[in-house]
Amino acid sequence: MKMTETLPLTDRSRLRRMHDLGRFDVATIHAILDAQPLCTVAYVRDGKPYLTPTLQWREGDRVYWHGSSASHALRAGKGQDVCMNVTILDGFVLARSGFNHSVNTRSVTLFGIAEVVPEEEKAAHLTAMIEGLWPGRSALLRPMLPQEVKATTILSLPITEGSAKIRSGPPTDEPDDYDLPIWAGVLPASVTLGAPIADPRNKDGADTPDHAKGVARIAGQA
């Protein structure tokens, strides 16, 4: 799928309110997915709704997530309709009325059928997950053991139905409220990665790698 393309508008993906905040272009959706690895996946099991927080990563036009092969969440998601959401908090919006307070966020919600990644492809996708988070780290790690790969299930979802929602900027107040002597504005928010804390069981010579040394990037700004 070309980055200039847009996802089709469906009954599930369209925004019921605040339509102007919706985005359907693939470039925006990909950028938000790449900036926030933490997601939630919703599914139905035995007629009851469930929601699982996990990590996601994107490869091309698909998103992936993984877990233990014994996981009820992953077993329930195989071949089922699922919904995935990724949200980045950019700020708290303080208005002149309690009803007009809000948050500045970037989010993506995807819908579709979860597909199981074949056994022979799992190791490559797990390596892609590590490389997506910490480029260069996979080369430093011990090889994956066959039993570890076998005990892991990876599900994927095509990025073919969904939308992004972005809210930014100052509060939107009622016209008369702008005359009130009340402070209003935005308190920016972000997740920062601090200095690395070494495992006390590290062996001598296990120096801090470049991808963890002096980390100062802000999560959500990838």
N, C-alpha and C. Protein backbone atom coordinates (compact mmCIF):
# COMPACT_ATOMS: atom_id res chain seq x y z
N MET A 1 0.84 -1.20 0.00
CA MET A 1 0.00 0.00 0.00
C MET A 1 0.87 1.24 0.00
N LYS A 2 0.61 2.17 -0.89
CA LYS A 2 1.40 3.38 -0.99
C LYS A 2 1.07 4.32 0.16
N MET A 3 2.10 5.07 0.60
CA MET A 3 1.92 5.98 1.73
C MET A 3 0.94 7.10 1.42
N THR A 4 0.66 7.36 0.13
CA THR A 4 -0.26 8.43 -0.23
C THR A 4 -1.71 7.95 -0.21
N GLU A 5 -1.91 6.65 -0.04
CA GLU A 5 -3.26 6.12 -0.08
C GLU A 5 -3.98 6.36 1.24
N THR A 6 -5.28 6.18 1.21
CA THR A 6 -6.10 6.31 2.41
C THR A 6 -6.88 5.02 2.61
N LEU A 7 -7.22 4.75 3.86
CA LEU A 7 -8.04 3.59 4.16
C LEU A 7 -9.50 3.92 3.86
N PRO A 8 -10.28 2.94 3.45
CA PRO A 8 -11.69 3.20 3.15
C PRO A 8 -12.48 3.53 4.41
N LEU A 9 -13.46 4.38 4.26
CA LEU A 9 -14.34 4.72 5.37
C LEU A 9 -15.38 3.61 5.53
N THR A 10 -15.44 3.02 6.73
CA THR A 10 -16.41 1.96 7.00
C THR A 10 -17.27 2.37 8.19
N ASP A 11 -18.32 1.60 8.43
CA ASP A 11 -19.19 1.91 9.55
C ASP A 11 -18.45 1.80 10.88
N ARG A 12 -17.45 0.91 10.93
CA ARG A 12 -16.69 0.76 12.18
C ARG A 12 -15.61 1.82 12.33
N SER A 13 -15.04 2.27 11.23
CA SER A 13 -13.90 3.18 11.34
C SER A 13 -14.26 4.66 11.33
N ARG A 14 -15.46 4.98 10.89
CA ARG A 14 -15.82 6.40 10.82
C ARG A 14 -16.01 6.97 12.22
N LEU A 15 -15.69 8.25 12.39
CA LEU A 15 -15.87 8.92 13.67
C LEU A 15 -17.30 9.40 13.80
N ARG A 16 -17.95 9.02 14.87
CA ARG A 16 -19.34 9.43 15.09
C ARG A 16 -19.44 10.90 15.45
N ARG A 17 -18.44 11.42 16.17
CA ARG A 17 -18.41 12.82 16.58
C ARG A 17 -17.04 13.40 16.23
N MET A 18 -16.99 14.72 16.15
CA MET A 18 -15.75 15.44 15.87
C MET A 18 -15.05 14.85 14.64
N HIS A 19 -15.80 14.84 13.55
CA HIS A 19 -15.28 14.24 12.31
C HIS A 19 -13.99 14.90 11.83
N ASP A 20 -13.80 16.18 12.17
CA ASP A 20 -12.61 16.89 11.70
C ASP A 20 -11.32 16.37 12.32
N LEU A 21 -11.44 15.59 13.40
CA LEU A 21 -10.25 15.04 14.04
C LEU A 21 -9.80 13.74 13.39
N GLY A 22 -10.62 13.19 12.51
CA GLY A 22 -10.32 11.90 11.90
C GLY A 22 -9.29 12.00 10.78
N ARG A 23 -8.46 10.99 10.67
CA ARG A 23 -7.48 10.88 9.59
C ARG A 23 -7.53 9.45 9.06
N PHE A 24 -7.53 9.33 7.75
CA PHE A 24 -7.57 8.01 7.13
C PHE A 24 -6.37 7.75 6.22
N ASP A 25 -5.46 8.72 6.12
CA ASP A 25 -4.31 8.51 5.24
C ASP A 25 -3.32 7.55 5.89
N VAL A 26 -2.76 6.69 5.07
CA VAL A 26 -1.88 5.63 5.54
C VAL A 26 -0.63 6.19 6.22
N ALA A 27 -0.09 7.29 5.70
CA ALA A 27 1.14 7.86 6.27
C ALA A 27 0.94 8.25 7.73
N THR A 28 -0.18 8.89 8.05
CA THR A 28 -0.46 9.29 9.42
C THR A 28 -0.66 8.08 10.31
N ILE A 29 -1.41 7.10 9.84
CA ILE A 29 -1.67 5.89 10.63
C ILE A 29 -0.37 5.15 10.92
N HIS A 30 0.47 4.99 9.91
CA HIS A 30 1.76 4.32 10.11
C HIS A 30 2.62 5.08 11.12
N ALA A 31 2.66 6.39 11.02
CA ALA A 31 3.51 7.20 11.89
C ALA A 31 3.11 7.04 13.35
N ILE A 32 1.82 7.01 13.64
CA ILE A 32 1.36 6.86 15.02
C ILE A 32 1.67 5.46 15.53
N LEU A 33 1.44 4.45 14.71
CA LEU A 33 1.77 3.07 15.11
C LEU A 33 3.26 2.93 15.42
N ASP A 34 4.09 3.55 14.61
CA ASP A 34 5.54 3.45 14.80
C ASP A 34 6.02 4.22 16.03
N ALA A 35 5.26 5.22 16.44
CA ALA A 35 5.68 6.07 17.56
C ALA A 35 5.28 5.51 18.92
N GLN A 36 4.35 4.57 18.96
CA GLN A 36 3.85 4.07 20.24
C GLN A 36 3.71 2.55 20.19
N PRO A 37 4.65 1.81 20.78
CA PRO A 37 4.56 0.35 20.76
C PRO A 37 3.49 -0.23 21.67
N LEU A 38 3.07 0.49 22.69
CA LEU A 38 2.07 -0.04 23.61
C LEU A 38 0.68 0.07 23.00
N CYS A 39 -0.05 -1.03 23.04
CA CYS A 39 -1.39 -1.03 22.46
C CYS A 39 -2.32 -1.86 23.34
N THR A 40 -3.60 -1.82 23.02
CA THR A 40 -4.58 -2.72 23.62
C THR A 40 -5.31 -3.43 22.48
N VAL A 41 -5.58 -4.72 22.69
CA VAL A 41 -6.28 -5.53 21.70
C VAL A 41 -7.57 -6.03 22.34
N ALA A 42 -8.69 -5.76 21.70
CA ALA A 42 -10.00 -6.17 22.21
C ALA A 42 -10.54 -7.31 21.36
N TYR A 43 -11.21 -8.24 22.02
CA TYR A 43 -11.78 -9.41 21.34
C TYR A 43 -12.93 -9.94 22.19
N VAL A 44 -13.69 -10.85 21.61
CA VAL A 44 -14.81 -11.47 22.32
C VAL A 44 -14.52 -12.96 22.47
N ARG A 45 -14.68 -13.47 23.69
CA ARG A 45 -14.52 -14.90 23.96
C ARG A 45 -15.72 -15.39 24.74
N ASP A 46 -16.35 -16.42 24.24
CA ASP A 46 -17.53 -16.99 24.88
C ASP A 46 -18.60 -15.92 25.12
N GLY A 47 -18.74 -15.01 24.16
CA GLY A 47 -19.77 -14.00 24.25
C GLY A 47 -19.47 -12.85 25.19
N LYS A 48 -18.24 -12.80 25.74
CA LYS A 48 -17.88 -11.74 26.68
C LYS A 48 -16.69 -10.95 26.14
N PRO A 49 -16.69 -9.62 26.36
CA PRO A 49 -15.60 -8.79 25.84
C PRO A 49 -14.36 -8.85 26.74
N TYR A 50 -13.20 -8.83 26.11
CA TYR A 50 -11.92 -8.80 26.82
C TYR A 50 -11.01 -7.77 26.17
N LEU A 51 -10.08 -7.27 26.97
CA LEU A 51 -9.14 -6.25 26.50
C LEU A 51 -7.76 -6.59 27.06
N THR A 52 -6.76 -6.67 26.19
CA THR A 52 -5.42 -7.06 26.62
C THR A 52 -4.39 -6.00 26.22
N PRO A 53 -3.61 -5.48 27.18
CA PRO A 53 -2.51 -4.58 26.82
C PRO A 53 -1.30 -5.39 26.37
N THR A 54 -0.62 -4.94 25.36
CA THR A 54 0.56 -5.65 24.86
C THR A 54 1.39 -4.70 24.01
N LEU A 55 2.46 -5.22 23.44
CA LEU A 55 3.29 -4.44 22.52
C LEU A 55 2.96 -4.80 21.09
N GLN A 56 2.95 -3.80 20.23
CA GLN A 56 2.73 -4.04 18.80
C GLN A 56 3.90 -3.46 18.02
N TRP A 57 4.11 -4.02 16.86
CA TRP A 57 5.09 -3.45 15.94
C TRP A 57 4.58 -3.60 14.52
N ARG A 58 4.99 -2.68 13.68
CA ARG A 58 4.51 -2.67 12.29
C ARG A 58 5.60 -3.12 11.35
N GLU A 59 5.22 -3.96 10.41
CA GLU A 59 6.07 -4.34 9.29
C GLU A 59 5.25 -4.15 8.03
N GLY A 60 5.57 -3.11 7.28
CA GLY A 60 4.82 -2.85 6.07
C GLY A 60 3.37 -2.52 6.36
N ASP A 61 2.47 -3.28 5.76
CA ASP A 61 1.03 -3.01 5.90
C ASP A 61 0.35 -3.89 6.94
N ARG A 62 1.13 -4.40 7.91
CA ARG A 62 0.55 -5.24 8.95
C ARG A 62 1.12 -4.84 10.30
N VAL A 63 0.32 -5.05 11.35
CA VAL A 63 0.81 -4.90 12.72
C VAL A 63 0.86 -6.29 13.34
N TYR A 64 1.79 -6.45 14.28
CA TYR A 64 2.01 -7.75 14.91
C TYR A 64 2.01 -7.60 16.42
N TRP A 65 1.64 -8.65 17.13
CA TRP A 65 1.81 -8.73 18.58
C TRP A 65 2.02 -10.19 18.94
N HIS A 66 2.61 -10.43 20.11
CA HIS A 66 2.99 -11.81 20.45
C HIS A 66 2.77 -12.09 21.92
N GLY A 67 2.88 -13.34 22.28
CA GLY A 67 2.76 -13.77 23.66
C GLY A 67 2.91 -15.27 23.75
N SER A 68 2.69 -15.79 24.94
CA SER A 68 2.80 -17.23 25.15
C SER A 68 1.75 -17.98 24.36
N SER A 69 2.12 -19.14 23.84
CA SER A 69 1.17 -19.97 23.10
C SER A 69 0.04 -20.44 24.01
N ALA A 70 0.27 -20.39 25.34
CA ALA A 70 -0.76 -20.80 26.29
C ALA A 70 -1.70 -19.66 26.66
N SER A 71 -1.43 -18.47 26.14
CA SER A 71 -2.24 -17.30 26.48
C SER A 71 -3.67 -17.43 25.98
N HIS A 72 -4.62 -17.24 26.89
CA HIS A 72 -6.04 -17.28 26.49
C HIS A 72 -6.35 -16.16 25.50
N ALA A 73 -5.71 -15.00 25.69
CA ALA A 73 -5.98 -13.86 24.81
C ALA A 73 -5.55 -14.17 23.38
N LEU A 74 -4.38 -14.77 23.21
CA LEU A 74 -3.90 -15.07 21.87
C LEU A 74 -4.69 -16.21 21.23
N ARG A 75 -5.02 -17.20 22.04
CA ARG A 75 -5.80 -18.32 21.49
C ARG A 75 -7.19 -17.85 21.07
N ALA A 76 -7.75 -16.92 21.86
CA ALA A 76 -9.08 -16.41 21.53
C ALA A 76 -9.05 -15.52 20.29
N GLY A 77 -7.89 -14.87 20.05
CA GLY A 77 -7.81 -13.95 18.93
C GLY A 77 -7.56 -14.59 17.59
N LYS A 78 -7.10 -15.83 17.58
CA LYS A 78 -6.78 -16.50 16.32
C LYS A 78 -7.99 -16.58 15.41
N GLY A 79 -7.89 -15.99 14.24
CA GLY A 79 -8.96 -16.08 13.26
C GLY A 79 -10.22 -15.33 13.64
N GLN A 80 -10.14 -14.49 14.67
CA GLN A 80 -11.31 -13.78 15.16
C GLN A 80 -11.23 -12.30 14.79
N ASP A 81 -12.40 -11.67 14.80
CA ASP A 81 -12.46 -10.23 14.63
C ASP A 81 -11.89 -9.57 15.88
N VAL A 82 -10.91 -8.70 15.71
CA VAL A 82 -10.32 -8.01 16.85
C VAL A 82 -10.29 -6.51 16.55
N CYS A 83 -10.05 -5.75 17.61
CA CYS A 83 -9.91 -4.30 17.50
C CYS A 83 -8.65 -3.92 18.26
N MET A 84 -7.76 -3.17 17.61
CA MET A 84 -6.53 -2.72 18.26
C MET A 84 -6.52 -1.20 18.35
N ASN A 85 -6.07 -0.70 19.50
CA ASN A 85 -5.95 0.75 19.68
C ASN A 85 -4.57 1.11 20.19
N VAL A 86 -4.03 2.19 19.64
CA VAL A 86 -2.77 2.78 20.07
C VAL A 86 -3.05 4.25 20.35
N THR A 87 -2.64 4.75 21.51
CA THR A 87 -2.90 6.14 21.88
C THR A 87 -1.65 6.79 22.45
N ILE A 88 -1.37 7.99 22.01
CA ILE A 88 -0.26 8.79 22.52
C ILE A 88 -0.83 10.04 23.17
N LEU A 89 -0.50 10.25 24.44
CA LEU A 89 -0.95 11.44 25.16
C LEU A 89 0.04 12.57 24.93
N ASP A 90 -0.42 13.67 24.34
CA ASP A 90 0.44 14.82 24.06
C ASP A 90 0.22 15.99 25.01
N GLY A 91 -0.89 16.03 25.72
CA GLY A 91 -1.11 17.14 26.62
C GLY A 91 -2.50 17.14 27.25
N PHE A 92 -2.60 17.81 28.39
CA PHE A 92 -3.88 18.02 29.05
C PHE A 92 -4.38 19.42 28.70
N VAL A 93 -5.62 19.52 28.29
CA VAL A 93 -6.20 20.78 27.84
C VAL A 93 -7.11 21.33 28.92
N LEU A 94 -6.72 22.46 29.51
CA LEU A 94 -7.49 23.09 30.58
C LEU A 94 -8.30 24.24 30.01
N ALA A 95 -9.60 24.14 30.11
CA ALA A 95 -10.49 25.15 29.54
C ALA A 95 -11.08 26.03 30.64
N ARG A 96 -12.01 26.90 30.25
CA ARG A 96 -12.64 27.80 31.20
C ARG A 96 -13.92 27.21 31.78
N SER A 97 -14.28 26.06 31.29
CA SER A 97 -15.43 25.31 31.79
C SER A 97 -14.99 23.86 31.95
N GLY A 98 -15.48 23.23 33.01
CA GLY A 98 -15.13 21.83 33.22
C GLY A 98 -15.53 20.95 32.06
N PHE A 99 -16.63 21.31 31.41
CA PHE A 99 -17.13 20.49 30.30
C PHE A 99 -16.25 20.57 29.06
N ASN A 100 -15.43 21.62 28.96
CA ASN A 100 -14.60 21.79 27.78
C ASN A 100 -13.14 21.37 27.99
N HIS A 101 -12.84 20.82 29.16
CA HIS A 101 -11.51 20.25 29.36
C HIS A 101 -11.34 19.06 28.43
N SER A 102 -10.12 18.82 28.01
CA SER A 102 -9.89 17.73 27.06
C SER A 102 -8.45 17.25 27.17
N VAL A 103 -8.04 16.42 26.24
CA VAL A 103 -6.65 15.97 26.14
C VAL A 103 -6.23 16.03 24.68
N ASN A 104 -4.99 16.40 24.46
CA ASN A 104 -4.41 16.33 23.13
C ASN A 104 -3.81 14.94 22.95
N THR A 105 -4.31 14.22 21.98
CA THR A 105 -3.85 12.85 21.75
C THR A 105 -3.71 12.57 20.27
N ARG A 106 -2.91 11.54 19.97
CA ARG A 106 -2.86 10.93 18.64
C ARG A 106 -3.19 9.46 18.84
N SER A 107 -4.16 8.96 18.12
CA SER A 107 -4.54 7.57 18.31
C SER A 107 -4.86 6.91 16.97
N VAL A 108 -4.75 5.59 16.96
CA VAL A 108 -5.13 4.78 15.81
C VAL A 108 -5.97 3.62 16.33
N THR A 109 -7.07 3.35 15.66
CA THR A 109 -7.89 2.18 15.95
C THR A 109 -8.01 1.36 14.67
N LEU A 110 -7.67 0.08 14.78
CA LEU A 110 -7.72 -0.83 13.63
C LEU A 110 -8.71 -1.95 13.88
N PHE A 111 -9.31 -2.44 12.82
CA PHE A 111 -10.25 -3.56 12.89
C PHE A 111 -9.84 -4.63 11.88
N GLY A 112 -10.15 -5.88 12.20
CA GLY A 112 -9.88 -6.93 11.22
C GLY A 112 -9.78 -8.30 11.85
N ILE A 113 -9.44 -9.28 11.02
CA ILE A 113 -9.30 -10.66 11.46
C ILE A 113 -7.84 -10.92 11.82
N ALA A 114 -7.60 -11.38 13.04
CA ALA A 114 -6.24 -11.70 13.47
C ALA A 114 -5.78 -13.00 12.82
N GLU A 115 -4.59 -12.97 12.27
CA GLU A 115 -4.04 -14.14 11.59
C GLU A 115 -2.79 -14.64 12.32
N VAL A 116 -2.64 -15.95 12.39
CA VAL A 116 -1.49 -16.56 13.06
C VAL A 116 -0.29 -16.58 12.12
N VAL A 117 0.85 -16.14 12.62
CA VAL A 117 2.08 -16.17 11.83
C VAL A 117 2.60 -17.61 11.79
N PRO A 118 2.94 -18.14 10.61
CA PRO A 118 3.44 -19.51 10.51
C PRO A 118 4.72 -19.72 11.33
N GLU A 119 4.91 -20.94 11.78
CA GLU A 119 6.05 -21.29 12.64
C GLU A 119 7.38 -20.86 12.03
N GLU A 120 7.56 -21.10 10.74
CA GLU A 120 8.85 -20.83 10.11
C GLU A 120 9.14 -19.34 9.94
N GLU A 121 8.14 -18.49 10.17
CA GLU A 121 8.33 -17.04 10.01
C GLU A 121 8.47 -16.32 11.35
N LYS A 122 8.25 -17.02 12.45
CA LYS A 122 8.18 -16.36 13.75
C LYS A 122 9.51 -15.73 14.17
N ALA A 123 10.61 -16.41 14.00
CA ALA A 123 11.90 -15.88 14.44
C ALA A 123 12.22 -14.56 13.76
N ALA A 124 11.94 -14.46 12.48
CA ALA A 124 12.22 -13.23 11.74
C ALA A 124 11.38 -12.07 12.26
N HIS A 125 10.12 -12.35 12.58
CA HIS A 125 9.25 -11.28 13.09
C HIS A 125 9.64 -10.86 14.50
N LEU A 126 10.07 -11.81 15.33
CA LEU A 126 10.52 -11.46 16.68
C LEU A 126 11.78 -10.60 16.62
N THR A 127 12.66 -10.91 15.68
CA THR A 127 13.85 -10.08 15.48
C THR A 127 13.45 -8.68 15.02
N ALA A 128 12.46 -8.59 14.16
CA ALA A 128 11.99 -7.29 13.69
C ALA A 128 11.43 -6.46 14.83
N MET A 129 10.77 -7.12 15.80
CA MET A 129 10.25 -6.40 16.96
C MET A 129 11.39 -5.77 17.76
N ILE A 130 12.44 -6.56 18.05
CA ILE A 130 13.58 -6.04 18.81
C ILE A 130 14.26 -4.91 18.05
N GLU A 131 14.47 -5.11 16.75
CA GLU A 131 15.15 -4.09 15.95
C GLU A 131 14.33 -2.81 15.83
N GLY A 132 13.01 -2.95 15.81
CA GLY A 132 12.16 -1.78 15.73
C GLY A 132 12.26 -0.91 16.97
N LEU A 133 12.45 -1.55 18.12
CA LEU A 133 12.57 -0.81 19.37
C LEU A 133 14.00 -0.34 19.62
N TRP A 134 14.96 -1.24 19.42
CA TRP A 134 16.36 -0.95 19.73
C TRP A 134 17.25 -1.41 18.58
N PRO A 135 17.39 -0.59 17.55
CA PRO A 135 18.18 -0.98 16.38
C PRO A 135 19.59 -1.43 16.75
N GLY A 136 19.97 -2.59 16.26
CA GLY A 136 21.29 -3.13 16.51
C GLY A 136 21.36 -4.10 17.67
N ARG A 137 20.30 -4.17 18.50
CA ARG A 137 20.37 -5.02 19.69
C ARG A 137 20.33 -6.51 19.36
N SER A 138 19.59 -6.89 18.35
CA SER A 138 19.43 -8.32 18.06
C SER A 138 20.77 -8.99 17.77
N ALA A 139 21.73 -8.24 17.22
CA ALA A 139 23.04 -8.81 16.92
C ALA A 139 23.84 -9.13 18.18
N LEU A 140 23.45 -8.53 19.31
CA LEU A 140 24.17 -8.75 20.57
C LEU A 140 23.58 -9.89 21.38
N LEU A 141 22.40 -10.35 21.02
CA LEU A 141 21.69 -11.34 21.83
C LEU A 141 22.07 -12.76 21.45
N ARG A 142 21.89 -13.67 22.39
CA ARG A 142 22.09 -15.08 22.08
C ARG A 142 21.01 -15.53 21.11
N PRO A 143 21.26 -16.55 20.31
CA PRO A 143 20.24 -17.03 19.37
C PRO A 143 19.00 -17.52 20.10
N MET A 144 17.86 -17.36 19.45
CA MET A 144 16.61 -17.88 20.01
C MET A 144 16.65 -19.40 20.02
N LEU A 145 16.14 -19.99 21.10
CA LEU A 145 16.06 -21.44 21.19
C LEU A 145 14.79 -21.93 20.51
N PRO A 146 14.85 -23.08 19.85
CA PRO A 146 13.66 -23.61 19.16
C PRO A 146 12.44 -23.70 20.08
N GLN A 147 12.66 -24.11 21.34
CA GLN A 147 11.53 -24.25 22.25
C GLN A 147 10.93 -22.90 22.63
N GLU A 148 11.78 -21.84 22.62
CA GLU A 148 11.26 -20.50 22.90
C GLU A 148 10.36 -20.03 21.77
N VAL A 149 10.81 -20.26 20.55
CA VAL A 149 10.01 -19.85 19.39
C VAL A 149 8.71 -20.64 19.35
N LYS A 150 8.80 -21.94 19.63
CA LYS A 150 7.61 -22.79 19.59
C LYS A 150 6.59 -22.37 20.65
N ALA A 151 7.08 -21.90 21.79
CA ALA A 151 6.19 -21.50 22.89
C ALA A 151 5.60 -20.11 22.70
N THR A 152 5.94 -19.47 21.59
CA THR A 152 5.47 -18.11 21.32
C THR A 152 4.49 -18.11 20.15
N THR A 153 3.39 -17.42 20.34
CA THR A 153 2.42 -17.21 19.26
C THR A 153 2.49 -15.76 18.81
N ILE A 154 2.51 -15.56 17.52
CA ILE A 154 2.48 -14.20 16.96
C ILE A 154 1.23 -14.06 16.12
N LEU A 155 0.48 -13.01 16.37
CA LEU A 155 -0.70 -12.70 15.56
C LEU A 155 -0.42 -11.43 14.76
N SER A 156 -1.07 -11.33 13.62
CA SER A 156 -0.92 -10.13 12.80
C SER A 156 -2.29 -9.65 12.34
N LEU A 157 -2.33 -8.38 12.01
CA LEU A 157 -3.57 -7.74 11.57
C LEU A 157 -3.24 -6.85 10.38
N PRO A 158 -3.94 -7.01 9.26
CA PRO A 158 -3.68 -6.13 8.12
C PRO A 158 -4.19 -4.72 8.40
N ILE A 159 -3.43 -3.73 7.96
CA ILE A 159 -3.84 -2.34 8.15
C ILE A 159 -4.72 -1.96 6.96
N THR A 160 -5.94 -2.45 6.98
CA THR A 160 -6.86 -2.22 5.86
C THR A 160 -8.17 -1.57 6.29
N GLU A 161 -8.46 -1.59 7.60
CA GLU A 161 -9.68 -0.95 8.10
C GLU A 161 -9.36 -0.27 9.42
N GLY A 162 -9.60 1.02 9.48
CA GLY A 162 -9.30 1.75 10.70
C GLY A 162 -9.17 3.23 10.43
N SER A 163 -8.77 3.97 11.45
CA SER A 163 -8.63 5.41 11.32
C SER A 163 -7.73 5.93 12.42
N ALA A 164 -7.22 7.13 12.20
CA ALA A 164 -6.48 7.85 13.22
C ALA A 164 -7.35 9.00 13.72
N LYS A 165 -7.09 9.42 14.95
CA LYS A 165 -7.80 10.57 15.52
C LYS A 165 -6.76 11.43 16.21
N ILE A 166 -6.73 12.71 15.84
CA ILE A 166 -5.72 13.61 16.37
C ILE A 166 -6.38 14.87 16.90
N ARG A 167 -6.09 15.18 18.16
CA ARG A 167 -6.55 16.44 18.74
C ARG A 167 -5.32 17.21 19.19
N SER A 168 -5.20 18.47 18.79
CA SER A 168 -4.06 19.30 19.17
C SER A 168 -4.54 20.73 19.36
N GLY A 169 -3.68 21.53 19.97
CA GLY A 169 -4.00 22.95 20.11
C GLY A 169 -4.68 23.31 21.42
N PRO A 170 -5.10 24.58 21.54
CA PRO A 170 -5.67 25.10 22.77
C PRO A 170 -7.10 24.63 22.99
N PRO A 171 -7.67 24.98 24.16
CA PRO A 171 -9.06 24.59 24.42
C PRO A 171 -10.04 25.32 23.52
N THR A 172 -11.18 24.72 23.35
CA THR A 172 -12.28 25.34 22.60
C THR A 172 -13.38 25.65 23.60
N ASP A 173 -13.55 26.93 23.92
CA ASP A 173 -14.52 27.34 24.92
C ASP A 173 -15.75 27.97 24.28
N GLU A 174 -16.78 28.15 25.10
CA GLU A 174 -17.97 28.86 24.65
C GLU A 174 -17.59 30.34 24.43
N PRO A 175 -18.18 30.99 23.43
CA PRO A 175 -17.78 32.38 23.11
C PRO A 175 -17.76 33.31 24.31
N ASP A 176 -18.77 33.26 25.16
CA ASP A 176 -18.83 34.17 26.30
C ASP A 176 -17.77 33.85 27.35
N ASP A 177 -17.30 32.59 27.38
CA ASP A 177 -16.33 32.20 28.41
C ASP A 177 -14.96 32.82 28.20
N TYR A 178 -14.66 33.26 26.97
CA TYR A 178 -13.35 33.87 26.73
C TYR A 178 -13.19 35.20 27.46
N ASP A 179 -14.29 35.79 27.91
CA ASP A 179 -14.22 37.05 28.66
C ASP A 179 -13.97 36.83 30.14
N LEU A 180 -13.99 35.58 30.60
CA LEU A 180 -13.81 35.29 32.02
C LEU A 180 -12.33 35.34 32.39
N PRO A 181 -12.01 35.84 33.60
CA PRO A 181 -10.60 35.94 34.04
C PRO A 181 -10.10 34.60 34.58
N ILE A 182 -10.17 33.57 33.75
CA ILE A 182 -9.77 32.22 34.14
C ILE A 182 -8.62 31.77 33.23
N TRP A 183 -7.54 31.28 33.85
CA TRP A 183 -6.42 30.80 33.03
C TRP A 183 -6.84 29.54 32.29
N ALA A 184 -6.49 29.46 31.03
CA ALA A 184 -6.75 28.28 30.22
C ALA A 184 -5.53 28.03 29.34
N GLY A 185 -5.33 26.79 28.97
CA GLY A 185 -4.18 26.47 28.12
C GLY A 185 -3.92 24.98 28.08
N VAL A 186 -2.71 24.63 27.69
CA VAL A 186 -2.32 23.23 27.52
C VAL A 186 -1.12 22.92 28.39
N LEU A 187 -1.18 21.79 29.08
CA LEU A 187 -0.03 21.26 29.81
C LEU A 187 0.54 20.11 28.99
N PRO A 188 1.66 20.32 28.29
CA PRO A 188 2.22 19.26 27.45
C PRO A 188 2.57 18.03 28.27
N ALA A 189 2.42 16.87 27.66
CA ALA A 189 2.72 15.60 28.31
C ALA A 189 3.51 14.72 27.37
N SER A 190 4.43 13.94 27.93
CA SER A 190 5.21 13.01 27.13
C SER A 190 5.81 11.95 28.04
N VAL A 191 6.23 10.85 27.44
CA VAL A 191 6.93 9.79 28.17
C VAL A 191 8.40 9.89 27.78
N THR A 192 9.26 10.09 28.77
CA THR A 192 10.69 10.20 28.48
C THR A 192 11.42 8.95 28.96
N LEU A 193 12.46 8.58 28.24
CA LEU A 193 13.29 7.45 28.62
C LEU A 193 14.53 7.98 29.33
N GLY A 194 14.72 7.54 30.57
CA GLY A 194 15.83 8.05 31.37
C GLY A 194 17.12 7.30 31.15
N ALA A 195 18.10 7.59 32.00
CA ALA A 195 19.40 6.93 31.91
C ALA A 195 19.25 5.45 32.24
N PRO A 196 19.98 4.58 31.55
CA PRO A 196 19.85 3.14 31.79
C PRO A 196 20.32 2.74 33.18
N ILE A 197 19.64 1.75 33.78
CA ILE A 197 20.00 1.19 35.08
C ILE A 197 20.47 -0.24 34.83
N ALA A 198 21.73 -0.49 35.05
CA ALA A 198 22.32 -1.79 34.73
C ALA A 198 21.80 -2.89 35.65
N ASP A 199 21.59 -4.07 35.10
CA ASP A 199 21.25 -5.25 35.89
C ASP A 199 22.44 -5.58 36.78
N PRO A 200 22.23 -5.73 38.11
CA PRO A 200 23.36 -6.03 39.00
C PRO A 200 24.06 -7.35 38.68
N ARG A 201 23.42 -8.20 37.88
CA ARG A 201 24.03 -9.48 37.53
C ARG A 201 24.77 -9.43 36.19
N ASN A 202 24.93 -8.23 35.64
CA ASN A 202 25.73 -8.10 34.42
C ASN A 202 27.16 -8.57 34.67
N LYS A 203 27.74 -9.24 33.69
CA LYS A 203 29.12 -9.68 33.80
C LYS A 203 30.07 -8.53 33.47
N ASP A 204 31.28 -8.63 34.01
CA ASP A 204 32.31 -7.64 33.68
C ASP A 204 32.52 -7.63 32.17
N GLY A 205 32.62 -6.47 31.61
CA GLY A 205 32.81 -6.35 30.17
C GLY A 205 31.53 -6.19 29.39
N ALA A 206 30.40 -6.38 30.07
CA ALA A 206 29.10 -6.18 29.40
C ALA A 206 28.77 -4.70 29.46
N ASP A 207 29.39 -3.94 28.59
CA ASP A 207 29.23 -2.49 28.59
C ASP A 207 27.86 -2.09 28.07
N THR A 208 27.42 -0.93 28.49
CA THR A 208 26.15 -0.40 28.02
C THR A 208 26.23 -0.15 26.51
N PRO A 209 25.34 -0.76 25.73
CA PRO A 209 25.40 -0.58 24.27
C PRO A 209 24.95 0.82 23.86
N ASP A 210 25.34 1.20 22.67
CA ASP A 210 25.01 2.53 22.18
C ASP A 210 23.51 2.79 22.15
N HIS A 211 22.71 1.74 21.84
CA HIS A 211 21.27 1.98 21.73
C HIS A 211 20.63 2.24 23.08
N ALA A 212 21.35 1.97 24.19
CA ALA A 212 20.81 2.25 25.52
C ALA A 212 21.58 3.36 26.22
N LYS A 213 22.72 3.72 25.69
CA LYS A 213 23.58 4.71 26.33
C LYS A 213 23.09 6.12 26.02
N GLY A 214 22.94 6.92 27.07
CA GLY A 214 22.55 8.31 26.87
C GLY A 214 21.20 8.47 26.21
N VAL A 215 20.30 7.53 26.47
CA VAL A 215 18.98 7.60 25.86
C VAL A 215 18.25 8.83 26.35
N ALA A 216 17.76 9.62 25.42
CA ALA A 216 17.01 10.82 25.80
C ALA A 216 15.83 11.04 24.88
N ARG A 217 15.54 10.04 24.05
CA ARG A 217 14.43 10.24 23.12
C ARG A 217 13.09 10.17 23.86
N ILE A 218 12.12 10.81 23.30
CA ILE A 218 10.80 10.88 23.91
C ILE A 218 9.88 9.88 23.22
N ALA A 219 9.31 8.99 24.01
CA ALA A 219 8.37 8.03 23.44
C ALA A 219 7.21 8.79 22.81
N GLY A 220 6.80 8.36 21.63
CA GLY A 220 5.72 9.03 20.93
C GLY A 220 6.21 10.03 19.90
N GLN A 221 7.52 10.22 19.82
CA GLN A 221 8.08 11.17 18.86
C GLN A 221 8.87 10.49 17.75
N ALA A 222 8.76 9.17 17.65
CA ALA A 222 9.52 8.44 16.63
C ALA A 222 9.11 8.86 15.24
